[in-house]
Amino acid sequence: MQYLLVFIGVVLVGIVVFLAVGRRRPEAGPALPASGPILGLAESVPSLPPVLLPEHPTAQDVANMRLGVGLRGYRCDQVDEVLAVLAGEIDRLQEELDATRRGPVISATNQSPE
């Protein structure tokens, strides 16, 4: 019985606090049009500077990289930029690797390149 009275007392105190805080709120601003933005889903303000990777990023550059957090995860524009730079670097390294695997070109004159 004592626990029930304590529970009811806590609920009553909560209701009083809820009502007291609700009365102190300023009046709501102008009504938003029906096609206006949905409250709470505004674009987040980036808290980190833009992601800048060098032209030829190293593993340390990628490890030190930090992305800004948006509404539902990392900011898409920053992720797209990082992926584009990394894809370009992977392509460049793959071309370089393919060139070394092909080996030197031997001419038809039996002379080795100098």
PDB file of N, CA and C in Angstrom:
ATOM      1  N   MET A   1       0.823  -1.194   0.000  1.00  0.00           N
ATOM      2  CA  MET A   1       0.000   0.000   0.000  1.00  0.00           C
ATOM      3  C   MET A   1       0.868   1.260   0.000  1.00  0.00           C
ATOM      4  N   GLN A   2       1.990   1.206   0.724  1.00  0.00           N
ATOM      5  CA  GLN A   2       2.871   2.370   0.789  1.00  0.00           C
ATOM      6  C   GLN A   2       3.469   2.670  -0.588  1.00  0.00           C
ATOM      7  N   TYR A   3       3.827   1.616  -1.335  1.00  0.00           N
ATOM      8  CA  TYR A   3       4.415   1.825  -2.661  1.00  0.00           C
ATOM      9  C   TYR A   3       3.398   2.473  -3.610  1.00  0.00           C
ATOM     10  N   LEU A   4       2.144   2.110  -3.473  1.00  0.00           N
ATOM     11  CA  LEU A   4       1.107   2.698  -4.310  1.00  0.00           C
ATOM     12  C   LEU A   4       0.961   4.182  -4.017  1.00  0.00           C
ATOM     13  N   LEU A   5       0.996   4.553  -2.759  1.00  0.00           N
ATOM     14  CA  LEU A   5       0.883   5.972  -2.390  1.00  0.00           C
ATOM     15  C   LEU A   5       2.097   6.761  -2.884  1.00  0.00           C
ATOM     16  N   VAL A   6       3.287   6.176  -2.786  1.00  0.00           N
ATOM     17  CA  VAL A   6       4.494   6.845  -3.278  1.00  0.00           C
ATOM     18  C   VAL A   6       4.402   7.014  -4.797  1.00  0.00           C
ATOM     19  N   PHE A   7       3.950   5.991  -5.495  1.00  0.00           N
ATOM     20  CA  PHE A   7       3.798   6.059  -6.947  1.00  0.00           C
ATOM     21  C   PHE A   7       2.809   7.155  -7.337  1.00  0.00           C
ATOM     22  N   ILE A   8       1.680   7.210  -6.668  1.00  0.00           N
ATOM     23  CA  ILE A   8       0.671   8.233  -6.968  1.00  0.00           C
ATOM     24  C   ILE A   8       1.231   9.624  -6.673  1.00  0.00           C
ATOM     25  N   GLY A   9       1.985   9.764  -5.612  1.00  0.00           N
ATOM     26  CA  GLY A   9       2.599  11.053  -5.277  1.00  0.00           C
ATOM     27  C   GLY A   9       3.592  11.499  -6.340  1.00  0.00           C
ATOM     28  N   VAL A  10       4.412  10.569  -6.840  1.00  0.00           N
ATOM     29  CA  VAL A  10       5.386  10.904  -7.888  1.00  0.00           C
ATOM     30  C   VAL A  10       4.669  11.309  -9.174  1.00  0.00           C
ATOM     31  N   VAL A  11       3.608  10.604  -9.510  1.00  0.00           N
ATOM     32  CA  VAL A  11       2.842  10.943 -10.718  1.00  0.00           C
ATOM     33  C   VAL A  11       2.212  12.319 -10.563  1.00  0.00           C
ATOM     34  N   LEU A  12       1.655  12.635  -9.414  1.00  0.00           N
ATOM     35  CA  LEU A  12       1.035  13.951  -9.200  1.00  0.00           C
ATOM     36  C   LEU A  12       2.068  15.073  -9.278  1.00  0.00           C
ATOM     37  N   VAL A  13       3.240  14.856  -8.712  1.00  0.00           N
ATOM     38  CA  VAL A  13       4.307  15.870  -8.789  1.00  0.00           C
ATOM     39  C   VAL A  13       4.721  16.057 -10.245  1.00  0.00           C
ATOM     40  N   GLY A  14       4.825  14.978 -10.996  1.00  0.00           N
ATOM     41  CA  GLY A  14       5.169  15.080 -12.410  1.00  0.00           C
ATOM     42  C   GLY A  14       4.145  15.864 -13.198  1.00  0.00           C
ATOM     43  N   ILE A  15       2.887  15.636 -12.931  1.00  0.00           N
ATOM     44  CA  ILE A  15       1.819  16.356 -13.636  1.00  0.00           C
ATOM     45  C   ILE A  15       1.874  17.844 -13.304  1.00  0.00           C
ATOM     46  N   VAL A  16       2.087  18.176 -12.041  1.00  0.00           N
ATOM     47  CA  VAL A  16       2.174  19.585 -11.633  1.00  0.00           C
ATOM     48  C   VAL A  16       3.351  20.266 -12.321  1.00  0.00           C
ATOM     49  N   VAL A  17       4.499  19.607 -12.354  1.00  0.00           N
ATOM     50  CA  VAL A  17       5.677  20.184 -13.019  1.00  0.00           C
ATOM     51  C   VAL A  17       5.403  20.350 -14.514  1.00  0.00           C
ATOM     52  N   PHE A  18       4.807  19.367 -15.152  1.00  0.00           N
ATOM     53  CA  PHE A  18       4.491  19.434 -16.579  1.00  0.00           C
ATOM     54  C   PHE A  18       3.576  20.621 -16.873  1.00  0.00           C
ATOM     55  N   LEU A  19       2.551  20.808 -16.066  1.00  0.00           N
ATOM     56  CA  LEU A  19       1.622  21.915 -16.282  1.00  0.00           C
ATOM     57  C   LEU A  19       2.286  23.259 -16.011  1.00  0.00           C
ATOM     58  N   ALA A  20       3.132  23.336 -14.996  1.00  0.00           N
ATOM     59  CA  ALA A  20       3.808  24.597 -14.670  1.00  0.00           C
ATOM     60  C   ALA A  20       4.771  24.998 -15.786  1.00  0.00           C
ATOM     61  N   VAL A  21       5.487  24.056 -16.339  1.00  0.00           N
ATOM     62  CA  VAL A  21       6.417  24.363 -17.428  1.00  0.00           C
ATOM     63  C   VAL A  21       5.644  24.742 -18.680  1.00  0.00           C
ATOM     64  N   GLY A  22       4.548  24.097 -18.937  1.00  0.00           N
ATOM     65  CA  GLY A  22       3.739  24.394 -20.119  1.00  0.00           C
ATOM     66  C   GLY A  22       3.163  25.793 -20.098  1.00  0.00           C
ATOM     67  N   ARG A  23       2.868  26.328 -18.941  1.00  0.00           N
ATOM     68  CA  ARG A  23       2.297  27.675 -18.843  1.00  0.00           C
ATOM     69  C   ARG A  23       3.356  28.757 -19.032  1.00  0.00           C
ATOM     70  N   ARG A  24       4.591  28.439 -18.790  1.00  0.00           N
ATOM     71  CA  ARG A  24       5.654  29.444 -18.907  1.00  0.00           C
ATOM     72  C   ARG A  24       6.203  29.549 -20.329  1.00  0.00           C
ATOM     73  N   ARG A  25       5.798  28.673 -21.204  1.00  0.00           N
ATOM     74  CA  ARG A  25       6.279  28.725 -22.582  1.00  0.00           C
ATOM     75  C   ARG A  25       5.753  29.963 -23.287  1.00  0.00           C
ATOM     76  N   PRO A  26       6.579  30.565 -24.142  1.00  0.00           N
ATOM     77  CA  PRO A  26       6.062  31.682 -24.935  1.00  0.00           C
ATOM     78  C   PRO A  26       5.057  31.164 -25.962  1.00  0.00           C
ATOM     79  N   GLU A  27       4.233  32.056 -26.421  1.00  0.00           N
ATOM     80  CA  GLU A  27       3.229  31.685 -27.403  1.00  0.00           C
ATOM     81  C   GLU A  27       3.911  31.211 -28.676  1.00  0.00           C
ATOM     82  N   ALA A  28       3.260  30.316 -29.378  1.00  0.00           N
ATOM     83  CA  ALA A  28       3.808  29.781 -30.626  1.00  0.00           C
ATOM     84  C   ALA A  28       3.883  30.880 -31.666  1.00  0.00           C
ATOM     85  N   GLY A  29       4.853  30.776 -32.560  1.00  0.00           N
ATOM     86  CA  GLY A  29       5.041  31.746 -33.627  1.00  0.00           C
ATOM     87  C   GLY A  29       3.952  31.608 -34.673  1.00  0.00           C
ATOM     88  N   PRO A  30       4.136  32.293 -35.801  1.00  0.00           N
ATOM     89  CA  PRO A  30       3.118  32.205 -36.851  1.00  0.00           C
ATOM     90  C   PRO A  30       3.005  30.782 -37.375  1.00  0.00           C
ATOM     91  N   ALA A  31       1.800  30.460 -37.766  1.00  0.00           N
ATOM     92  CA  ALA A  31       1.552  29.099 -38.257  1.00  0.00           C
ATOM     93  C   ALA A  31       2.270  28.891 -39.585  1.00  0.00           C
ATOM     94  N   LEU A  32       2.806  27.697 -39.769  1.00  0.00           N
ATOM     95  CA  LEU A  32       3.491  27.360 -41.019  1.00  0.00           C
ATOM     96  C   LEU A  32       2.466  26.967 -42.071  1.00  0.00           C
ATOM     97  N   PRO A  33       2.729  27.309 -43.323  1.00  0.00           N
ATOM     98  CA  PRO A  33       1.811  26.869 -44.368  1.00  0.00           C
ATOM     99  C   PRO A  33       1.828  25.352 -44.478  1.00  0.00           C
ATOM    100  N   ALA A  34       0.776  24.802 -45.075  1.00  0.00           N
ATOM    101  CA  ALA A  34       0.652  23.347 -45.176  1.00  0.00           C
ATOM    102  C   ALA A  34       1.800  22.743 -45.972  1.00  0.00           C
ATOM    103  N   SER A  35       2.355  23.474 -46.934  1.00  0.00           N
ATOM    104  CA  SER A  35       3.437  22.928 -47.752  1.00  0.00           C
ATOM    105  C   SER A  35       4.807  23.304 -47.205  1.00  0.00           C
ATOM    106  N   GLY A  36       4.870  23.920 -46.041  1.00  0.00           N
ATOM    107  CA  GLY A  36       6.135  24.377 -45.468  1.00  0.00           C
ATOM    108  C   GLY A  36       6.957  23.227 -44.915  1.00  0.00           C
ATOM    109  N   PRO A  37       8.134  23.547 -44.383  1.00  0.00           N
ATOM    110  CA  PRO A  37       9.004  22.494 -43.855  1.00  0.00           C
ATOM    111  C   PRO A  37       8.409  21.835 -42.617  1.00  0.00           C
ATOM    112  N   ILE A  38       8.756  20.604 -42.409  1.00  0.00           N
ATOM    113  CA  ILE A  38       8.301  19.865 -41.240  1.00  0.00           C
ATOM    114  C   ILE A  38       9.247  20.192 -40.098  1.00  0.00           C
ATOM    115  N   LEU A  39       8.699  20.572 -38.968  1.00  0.00           N
ATOM    116  CA  LEU A  39       9.535  20.932 -37.832  1.00  0.00           C
ATOM    117  C   LEU A  39      10.366  19.741 -37.383  1.00  0.00           C
ATOM    118  N   GLY A  40      11.616  19.992 -37.046  1.00  0.00           N
ATOM    119  CA  GLY A  40      12.488  18.940 -36.567  1.00  0.00           C
ATOM    120  C   GLY A  40      13.260  18.249 -37.669  1.00  0.00           C
ATOM    121  N   LEU A  41      12.963  18.535 -38.935  1.00  0.00           N
ATOM    122  CA  LEU A  41      13.661  17.882 -40.034  1.00  0.00           C
ATOM    123  C   LEU A  41      14.487  18.878 -40.843  1.00  0.00           C
ATOM    124  N   ALA A  42      14.862  19.973 -40.235  1.00  0.00           N
ATOM    125  CA  ALA A  42      15.668  20.967 -40.940  1.00  0.00           C
ATOM    126  C   ALA A  42      17.075  20.429 -41.166  1.00  0.00           C
ATOM    127  N   GLU A  43      17.741  20.968 -42.169  1.00  0.00           N
ATOM    128  CA  GLU A  43      19.120  20.569 -42.475  1.00  0.00           C
ATOM    129  C   GLU A  43      20.001  20.916 -41.284  1.00  0.00           C
ATOM    130  N   SER A  44      20.818  19.987 -40.878  1.00  0.00           N
ATOM    131  CA  SER A  44      21.682  20.218 -39.731  1.00  0.00           C
ATOM    132  C   SER A  44      22.803  21.173 -40.104  1.00  0.00           C
ATOM    133  N   VAL A  45      23.293  21.877 -39.101  1.00  0.00           N
ATOM    134  CA  VAL A  45      24.404  22.798 -39.298  1.00  0.00           C
ATOM    135  C   VAL A  45      25.684  22.004 -39.124  1.00  0.00           C
ATOM    136  N   PRO A  46      26.571  22.030 -40.118  1.00  0.00           N
ATOM    137  CA  PRO A  46      27.804  21.242 -39.990  1.00  0.00           C
ATOM    138  C   PRO A  46      28.664  21.781 -38.859  1.00  0.00           C
ATOM    139  N   SER A  47      29.169  20.886 -38.050  1.00  0.00           N
ATOM    140  CA  SER A  47      30.016  21.293 -36.930  1.00  0.00           C
ATOM    141  C   SER A  47      31.487  21.067 -37.238  1.00  0.00           C
ATOM    142  N   LEU A  48      31.777  20.460 -38.370  1.00  0.00           N
ATOM    143  CA  LEU A  48      33.151  20.217 -38.763  1.00  0.00           C
ATOM    144  C   LEU A  48      33.428  20.917 -40.083  1.00  0.00           C
ATOM    145  N   PRO A  49      34.684  21.286 -40.315  1.00  0.00           N
ATOM    146  CA  PRO A  49      35.007  21.891 -41.608  1.00  0.00           C
ATOM    147  C   PRO A  49      34.845  20.869 -42.716  1.00  0.00           C
ATOM    148  N   PRO A  50      34.770  21.335 -43.968  1.00  0.00           N
ATOM    149  CA  PRO A  50      34.618  20.385 -45.063  1.00  0.00           C
ATOM    150  C   PRO A  50      35.784  19.413 -45.130  1.00  0.00           C
ATOM    151  N   VAL A  51      35.506  18.228 -45.624  1.00  0.00           N
ATOM    152  CA  VAL A  51      36.527  17.191 -45.734  1.00  0.00           C
ATOM    153  C   VAL A  51      37.414  17.517 -46.921  1.00  0.00           C
ATOM    154  N   LEU A  52      38.697  17.656 -46.665  1.00  0.00           N
ATOM    155  CA  LEU A  52      39.639  17.948 -47.729  1.00  0.00           C
ATOM    156  C   LEU A  52      40.730  16.894 -47.709  1.00  0.00           C
ATOM    157  N   LEU A  53      40.704  16.038 -48.710  1.00  0.00           N
ATOM    158  CA  LEU A  53      41.763  15.052 -48.865  1.00  0.00           C
ATOM    159  C   LEU A  53      42.733  15.559 -49.909  1.00  0.00           C
ATOM    160  N   PRO A  54      44.008  15.254 -49.773  1.00  0.00           N
ATOM    161  CA  PRO A  54      44.952  15.647 -50.813  1.00  0.00           C
ATOM    162  C   PRO A  54      44.664  14.892 -52.105  1.00  0.00           C
ATOM    163  N   GLU A  55      45.330  15.304 -53.171  1.00  0.00           N
ATOM    164  CA  GLU A  55      45.099  14.672 -54.472  1.00  0.00           C
ATOM    165  C   GLU A  55      45.450  13.193 -54.446  1.00  0.00           C
ATOM    166  N   HIS A  56      46.512  12.838 -53.738  1.00  0.00           N
ATOM    167  CA  HIS A  56      46.921  11.434 -53.590  1.00  0.00           C
ATOM    168  C   HIS A  56      46.909  11.088 -52.104  1.00  0.00           C
ATOM    169  N   PRO A  57      45.745  10.691 -51.564  1.00  0.00           N
ATOM    170  CA  PRO A  57      45.648  10.434 -50.126  1.00  0.00           C
ATOM    171  C   PRO A  57      46.409   9.185 -49.720  1.00  0.00           C
ATOM    172  N   THR A  58      46.918   9.218 -48.509  1.00  0.00           N
ATOM    173  CA  THR A  58      47.589   8.067 -47.930  1.00  0.00           C
ATOM    174  C   THR A  58      46.661   7.432 -46.898  1.00  0.00           C
ATOM    175  N   ALA A  59      47.081   6.303 -46.374  1.00  0.00           N
ATOM    176  CA  ALA A  59      46.285   5.632 -45.342  1.00  0.00           C
ATOM    177  C   ALA A  59      46.136   6.522 -44.110  1.00  0.00           C
ATOM    178  N   GLN A  60      47.166   7.292 -43.798  1.00  0.00           N
ATOM    179  CA  GLN A  60      47.109   8.189 -42.632  1.00  0.00           C
ATOM    180  C   GLN A  60      46.092   9.310 -42.864  1.00  0.00           C
ATOM    181  N   ASP A  61      45.998   9.824 -44.097  1.00  0.00           N
ATOM    182  CA  ASP A  61      44.998  10.853 -44.404  1.00  0.00           C
ATOM    183  C   ASP A  61      43.583  10.323 -44.182  1.00  0.00           C
ATOM    184  N   VAL A  62      43.351   9.104 -44.616  1.00  0.00           N
ATOM    185  CA  VAL A  62      42.026   8.499 -44.449  1.00  0.00           C
ATOM    186  C   VAL A  62      41.752   8.228 -42.971  1.00  0.00           C
ATOM    187  N   ALA A  63      42.766   7.795 -42.235  1.00  0.00           N
ATOM    188  CA  ALA A  63      42.579   7.515 -40.804  1.00  0.00           C
ATOM    189  C   ALA A  63      42.287   8.794 -40.021  1.00  0.00           C
ATOM    190  N   ASN A  64      42.852   9.919 -40.440  1.00  0.00           N
ATOM    191  CA  ASN A  64      42.644  11.189 -39.731  1.00  0.00           C
ATOM    192  C   ASN A  64      41.373  11.906 -40.153  1.00  0.00           C
ATOM    193  N   MET A  65      40.682  11.410 -41.164  1.00  0.00           N
ATOM    194  CA  MET A  65      39.501  12.066 -41.706  1.00  0.00           C
ATOM    195  C   MET A  65      38.326  11.954 -40.740  1.00  0.00           C
ATOM    196  N   ARG A  66      37.577  13.042 -40.605  1.00  0.00           N
ATOM    197  CA  ARG A  66      36.358  13.050 -39.795  1.00  0.00           C
ATOM    198  C   ARG A  66      35.249  13.661 -40.634  1.00  0.00           C
ATOM    199  N   LEU A  67      34.066  13.071 -40.591  1.00  0.00           N
ATOM    200  CA  LEU A  67      32.915  13.545 -41.346  1.00  0.00           C
ATOM    201  C   LEU A  67      31.907  14.172 -40.401  1.00  0.00           C
ATOM    202  N   GLY A  68      31.225  15.214 -40.873  1.00  0.00           N
ATOM    203  CA  GLY A  68      30.183  15.849 -40.084  1.00  0.00           C
ATOM    204  C   GLY A  68      28.951  14.962 -40.011  1.00  0.00           C
ATOM    205  N   VAL A  69      28.257  15.025 -38.890  1.00  0.00           N
ATOM    206  CA  VAL A  69      27.065  14.207 -38.697  1.00  0.00           C
ATOM    207  C   VAL A  69      25.839  15.032 -39.065  1.00  0.00           C
ATOM    208  N   GLY A  70      24.972  14.450 -39.897  1.00  0.00           N
ATOM    209  CA  GLY A  70      23.737  15.105 -40.307  1.00  0.00           C
ATOM    210  C   GLY A  70      22.548  14.522 -39.583  1.00  0.00           C
ATOM    211  N   LEU A  71      21.374  14.697 -40.165  1.00  0.00           N
ATOM    212  CA  LEU A  71      20.135  14.266 -39.532  1.00  0.00           C
ATOM    213  C   LEU A  71      20.081  12.760 -39.328  1.00  0.00           C
ATOM    214  N   ARG A  72      20.433  11.993 -40.347  1.00  0.00           N
ATOM    215  CA  ARG A  72      20.337  10.543 -40.243  1.00  0.00           C
ATOM    216  C   ARG A  72      21.684   9.863 -40.442  1.00  0.00           C
ATOM    217  N   GLY A  73      22.748  10.490 -40.086  1.00  0.00           N
ATOM    218  CA  GLY A  73      24.072   9.886 -40.240  1.00  0.00           C
ATOM    219  C   GLY A  73      25.060  10.910 -40.748  1.00  0.00           C
ATOM    220  N   TYR A  74      26.060  10.440 -41.475  1.00  0.00           N
ATOM    221  CA  TYR A  74      27.069  11.339 -42.009  1.00  0.00           C
ATOM    222  C   TYR A  74      26.481  12.164 -43.140  1.00  0.00           C
ATOM    223  N   ARG A  75      27.049  13.353 -43.343  1.00  0.00           N
ATOM    224  CA  ARG A  75      26.567  14.242 -44.394  1.00  0.00           C
ATOM    225  C   ARG A  75      26.927  13.664 -45.755  1.00  0.00           C
ATOM    226  N   CYS A  76      25.921  13.521 -46.603  1.00  0.00           N
ATOM    227  CA  CYS A  76      26.088  12.866 -47.910  1.00  0.00           C
ATOM    228  C   CYS A  76      27.093  13.587 -48.789  1.00  0.00           C
ATOM    229  N   ASP A  77      27.111  14.920 -48.765  1.00  0.00           N
ATOM    230  CA  ASP A  77      28.026  15.639 -49.638  1.00  0.00           C
ATOM    231  C   ASP A  77      29.481  15.361 -49.272  1.00  0.00           C
ATOM    232  N   GLN A  78      29.768  15.245 -47.978  1.00  0.00           N
ATOM    233  CA  GLN A  78      31.128  14.944 -47.558  1.00  0.00           C
ATOM    234  C   GLN A  78      31.508  13.507 -47.904  1.00  0.00           C
ATOM    235  N   VAL A  79      30.590  12.585 -47.707  1.00  0.00           N
ATOM    236  CA  VAL A  79      30.866  11.182 -48.028  1.00  0.00           C
ATOM    237  C   VAL A  79      31.103  11.019 -49.525  1.00  0.00           C
ATOM    238  N   ASP A  80      30.283  11.679 -50.356  1.00  0.00           N
ATOM    239  CA  ASP A  80      30.460  11.599 -51.805  1.00  0.00           C
ATOM    240  C   ASP A  80      31.811  12.146 -52.232  1.00  0.00           C
ATOM    241  N   GLU A  81      32.234  13.260 -51.622  1.00  0.00           N
ATOM    242  CA  GLU A  81      33.532  13.853 -51.961  1.00  0.00           C
ATOM    243  C   GLU A  81      34.674  12.917 -51.609  1.00  0.00           C
ATOM    244  N   VAL A  82      34.623  12.329 -50.424  1.00  0.00           N
ATOM    245  CA  VAL A  82      35.680  11.404 -49.994  1.00  0.00           C
ATOM    246  C   VAL A  82      35.715  10.181 -50.898  1.00  0.00           C
ATOM    247  N   LEU A  83      34.566   9.629 -51.222  1.00  0.00           N
ATOM    248  CA  LEU A  83      34.527   8.447 -52.086  1.00  0.00           C
ATOM    249  C   LEU A  83      35.067   8.763 -53.479  1.00  0.00           C
ATOM    250  N   ALA A  84      34.779   9.946 -53.991  1.00  0.00           N
ATOM    251  CA  ALA A  84      35.282  10.314 -55.318  1.00  0.00           C
ATOM    252  C   ALA A  84      36.804  10.410 -55.311  1.00  0.00           C
ATOM    253  N   VAL A  85      37.374  11.025 -54.282  1.00  0.00           N
ATOM    254  CA  VAL A  85      38.834  11.146 -54.193  1.00  0.00           C
ATOM    255  C   VAL A  85      39.469   9.772 -54.051  1.00  0.00           C
ATOM    256  N   LEU A  86      38.902   8.937 -53.197  1.00  0.00           N
ATOM    257  CA  LEU A  86      39.475   7.603 -52.995  1.00  0.00           C
ATOM    258  C   LEU A  86      39.333   6.734 -54.241  1.00  0.00           C
ATOM    259  N   ALA A  87      38.228   6.848 -54.957  1.00  0.00           N
ATOM    260  CA  ALA A  87      38.061   6.072 -56.185  1.00  0.00           C
ATOM    261  C   ALA A  87      39.085   6.503 -57.235  1.00  0.00           C
ATOM    262  N   GLY A  88      39.337   7.795 -57.348  1.00  0.00           N
ATOM    263  CA  GLY A  88      40.352   8.277 -58.282  1.00  0.00           C
ATOM    264  C   GLY A  88      41.734   7.771 -57.932  1.00  0.00           C
ATOM    265  N   GLU A  89      42.051   7.760 -56.654  1.00  0.00           N
ATOM    266  CA  GLU A  89      43.365   7.270 -56.222  1.00  0.00           C
ATOM    267  C   GLU A  89      43.498   5.769 -56.461  1.00  0.00           C
ATOM    268  N   ILE A  90      42.443   5.020 -56.238  1.00  0.00           N
ATOM    269  CA  ILE A  90      42.486   3.576 -56.487  1.00  0.00           C
ATOM    270  C   ILE A  90      42.691   3.314 -57.979  1.00  0.00           C
ATOM    271  N   ASP A  91      42.001   4.067 -58.831  1.00  0.00           N
ATOM    272  CA  ASP A  91      42.180   3.909 -60.276  1.00  0.00           C
ATOM    273  C   ASP A  91      43.612   4.224 -60.692  1.00  0.00           C
ATOM    274  N   ARG A  92      44.174   5.299 -60.142  1.00  0.00           N
ATOM    275  CA  ARG A  92      45.544   5.682 -60.481  1.00  0.00           C
ATOM    276  C   ARG A  92      46.532   4.600 -60.055  1.00  0.00           C
ATOM    277  N   LEU A  93      46.359   4.080 -58.853  1.00  0.00           N
ATOM    278  CA  LEU A  93      47.262   3.037 -58.366  1.00  0.00           C
ATOM    279  C   LEU A  93      47.102   1.741 -59.160  1.00  0.00           C
ATOM    280  N   GLN A  94      45.884   1.427 -59.572  1.00  0.00           N
ATOM    281  CA  GLN A  94      45.658   0.223 -60.375  1.00  0.00           C
ATOM    282  C   GLN A  94      46.343   0.343 -61.733  1.00  0.00           C
ATOM    283  N   GLU A  95      46.254   1.524 -62.352  1.00  0.00           N
ATOM    284  CA  GLU A  95      46.937   1.745 -63.630  1.00  0.00           C
ATOM    285  C   GLU A  95      48.445   1.622 -63.463  1.00  0.00           C
ATOM    286  N   GLU A  96      48.964   2.171 -62.388  1.00  0.00           N
ATOM    287  CA  GLU A  96      50.404   2.084 -62.117  1.00  0.00           C
ATOM    288  C   GLU A  96      50.822   0.637 -61.905  1.00  0.00           C
ATOM    289  N   LEU A  97      50.025  -0.126 -61.189  1.00  0.00           N
ATOM    290  CA  LEU A  97      50.323  -1.535 -60.948  1.00  0.00           C
ATOM    291  C   LEU A  97      50.265  -2.336 -62.253  1.00  0.00           C
ATOM    292  N   ASP A  98      49.271  -2.066 -63.078  1.00  0.00           N
ATOM    293  CA  ASP A  98      49.171  -2.751 -64.371  1.00  0.00           C
ATOM    294  C   ASP A  98      50.374  -2.437 -65.252  1.00  0.00           C
ATOM    295  N   ALA A  99      50.838  -1.199 -65.221  1.00  0.00           N
ATOM    296  CA  ALA A  99      51.995  -0.816 -66.032  1.00  0.00           C
ATOM    297  C   ALA A  99      53.254  -1.536 -65.570  1.00  0.00           C
ATOM    298  N   THR A 100      53.425  -1.744 -64.287  1.00  0.00           N
ATOM    299  CA  THR A 100      54.617  -2.441 -63.800  1.00  0.00           C
ATOM    300  C   THR A 100      54.526  -3.941 -64.071  1.00  0.00           C
ATOM    301  N   ARG A 101      53.328  -4.479 -64.104  1.00  0.00           N
ATOM    302  CA  ARG A 101      53.168  -5.912 -64.383  1.00  0.00           C
ATOM    303  C   ARG A 101      53.437  -6.243 -65.856  1.00  0.00           C
ATOM    304  N   ARG A 102      53.167  -5.291 -66.730  1.00  0.00           N
ATOM    305  CA  ARG A 102      53.405  -5.530 -68.160  1.00  0.00           C
ATOM    306  C   ARG A 102      54.885  -5.653 -68.462  1.00  0.00           C
ATOM    307  N   GLY A 103      55.711  -5.021 -67.701  1.00  0.00           N
ATOM    308  CA  GLY A 103      57.151  -5.107 -67.915  1.00  0.00           C
ATOM    309  C   GLY A 103      57.618  -4.188 -69.027  1.00  0.00           C
ATOM    310  N   PRO A 104      58.917  -4.169 -69.283  1.00  0.00           N
ATOM    311  CA  PRO A 104      59.451  -3.284 -70.314  1.00  0.00           C
ATOM    312  C   PRO A 104      59.086  -3.791 -71.707  1.00  0.00           C
ATOM    313  N   VAL A 105      58.952  -2.876 -72.608  1.00  0.00           N
ATOM    314  CA  VAL A 105      58.638  -3.208 -73.994  1.00  0.00           C
ATOM    315  C   VAL A 105      59.949  -3.452 -74.739  1.00  0.00           C
ATOM    316  N   ILE A 106      60.080  -4.601 -75.382  1.00  0.00           N
ATOM    317  CA  ILE A 106      61.283  -4.934 -76.132  1.00  0.00           C
ATOM    318  C   ILE A 106      61.016  -4.617 -77.593  1.00  0.00           C
ATOM    319  N   SER A 107      61.905  -3.855 -78.174  1.00  0.00           N
ATOM    320  CA  SER A 107      61.694  -3.438 -79.556  1.00  0.00           C
ATOM    321  C   SER A 107      62.074  -4.560 -80.520  1.00  0.00           C
ATOM    322  N   ALA A 108      61.638  -4.426 -81.760  1.00  0.00           N
ATOM    323  CA  ALA A 108      61.909  -5.438 -82.777  1.00  0.00           C
ATOM    324  C   ALA A 108      63.345  -5.395 -83.280  1.00  0.00           C
ATOM    325  N   THR A 109      64.120  -4.402 -82.863  1.00  0.00           N
ATOM    326  CA  THR A 109      65.499  -4.256 -83.340  1.00  0.00           C
ATOM    327  C   THR A 109      66.494  -4.929 -82.406  1.00  0.00           C
ATOM    328  N   ASN A 110      65.988  -5.674 -81.419  1.00  0.00           N
ATOM    329  CA  ASN A 110      66.837  -6.360 -80.438  1.00  0.00           C
ATOM    330  C   ASN A 110      67.703  -5.420 -79.631  1.00  0.00           C
ATOM    331  N   GLN A 111      67.263  -4.200 -79.476  1.00  0.00           N
ATOM    332  CA  GLN A 111      67.977  -3.253 -78.633  1.00  0.00           C
ATOM    333  C   GLN A 111      67.107  -2.995 -77.403  1.00  0.00           C
ATOM    334  N   SER A 112      67.719  -3.043 -76.252  1.00  0.00           N
ATOM    335  CA  SER A 112      66.973  -2.793 -75.024  1.00  0.00           C
ATOM    336  C   SER A 112      66.843  -1.292 -74.823  1.00  0.00           C
ATOM    337  N   PRO A 113      65.772  -0.862 -74.231  1.00  0.00           N
ATOM    338  CA  PRO A 113      65.608   0.585 -73.996  1.00  0.00           C
ATOM    339  C   PRO A 113      66.634   1.061 -72.977  1.00  0.00           C
ATOM    340  N   GLU A 114      67.117   2.252 -73.186  1.00  0.00           N
ATOM    341  CA  GLU A 114      68.161   2.795 -72.289  1.00  0.00           C
ATOM    342  C   GLU A 114      67.575   3.811 -71.360  1.00  0.00           C
TER     343      GLU A 114
END
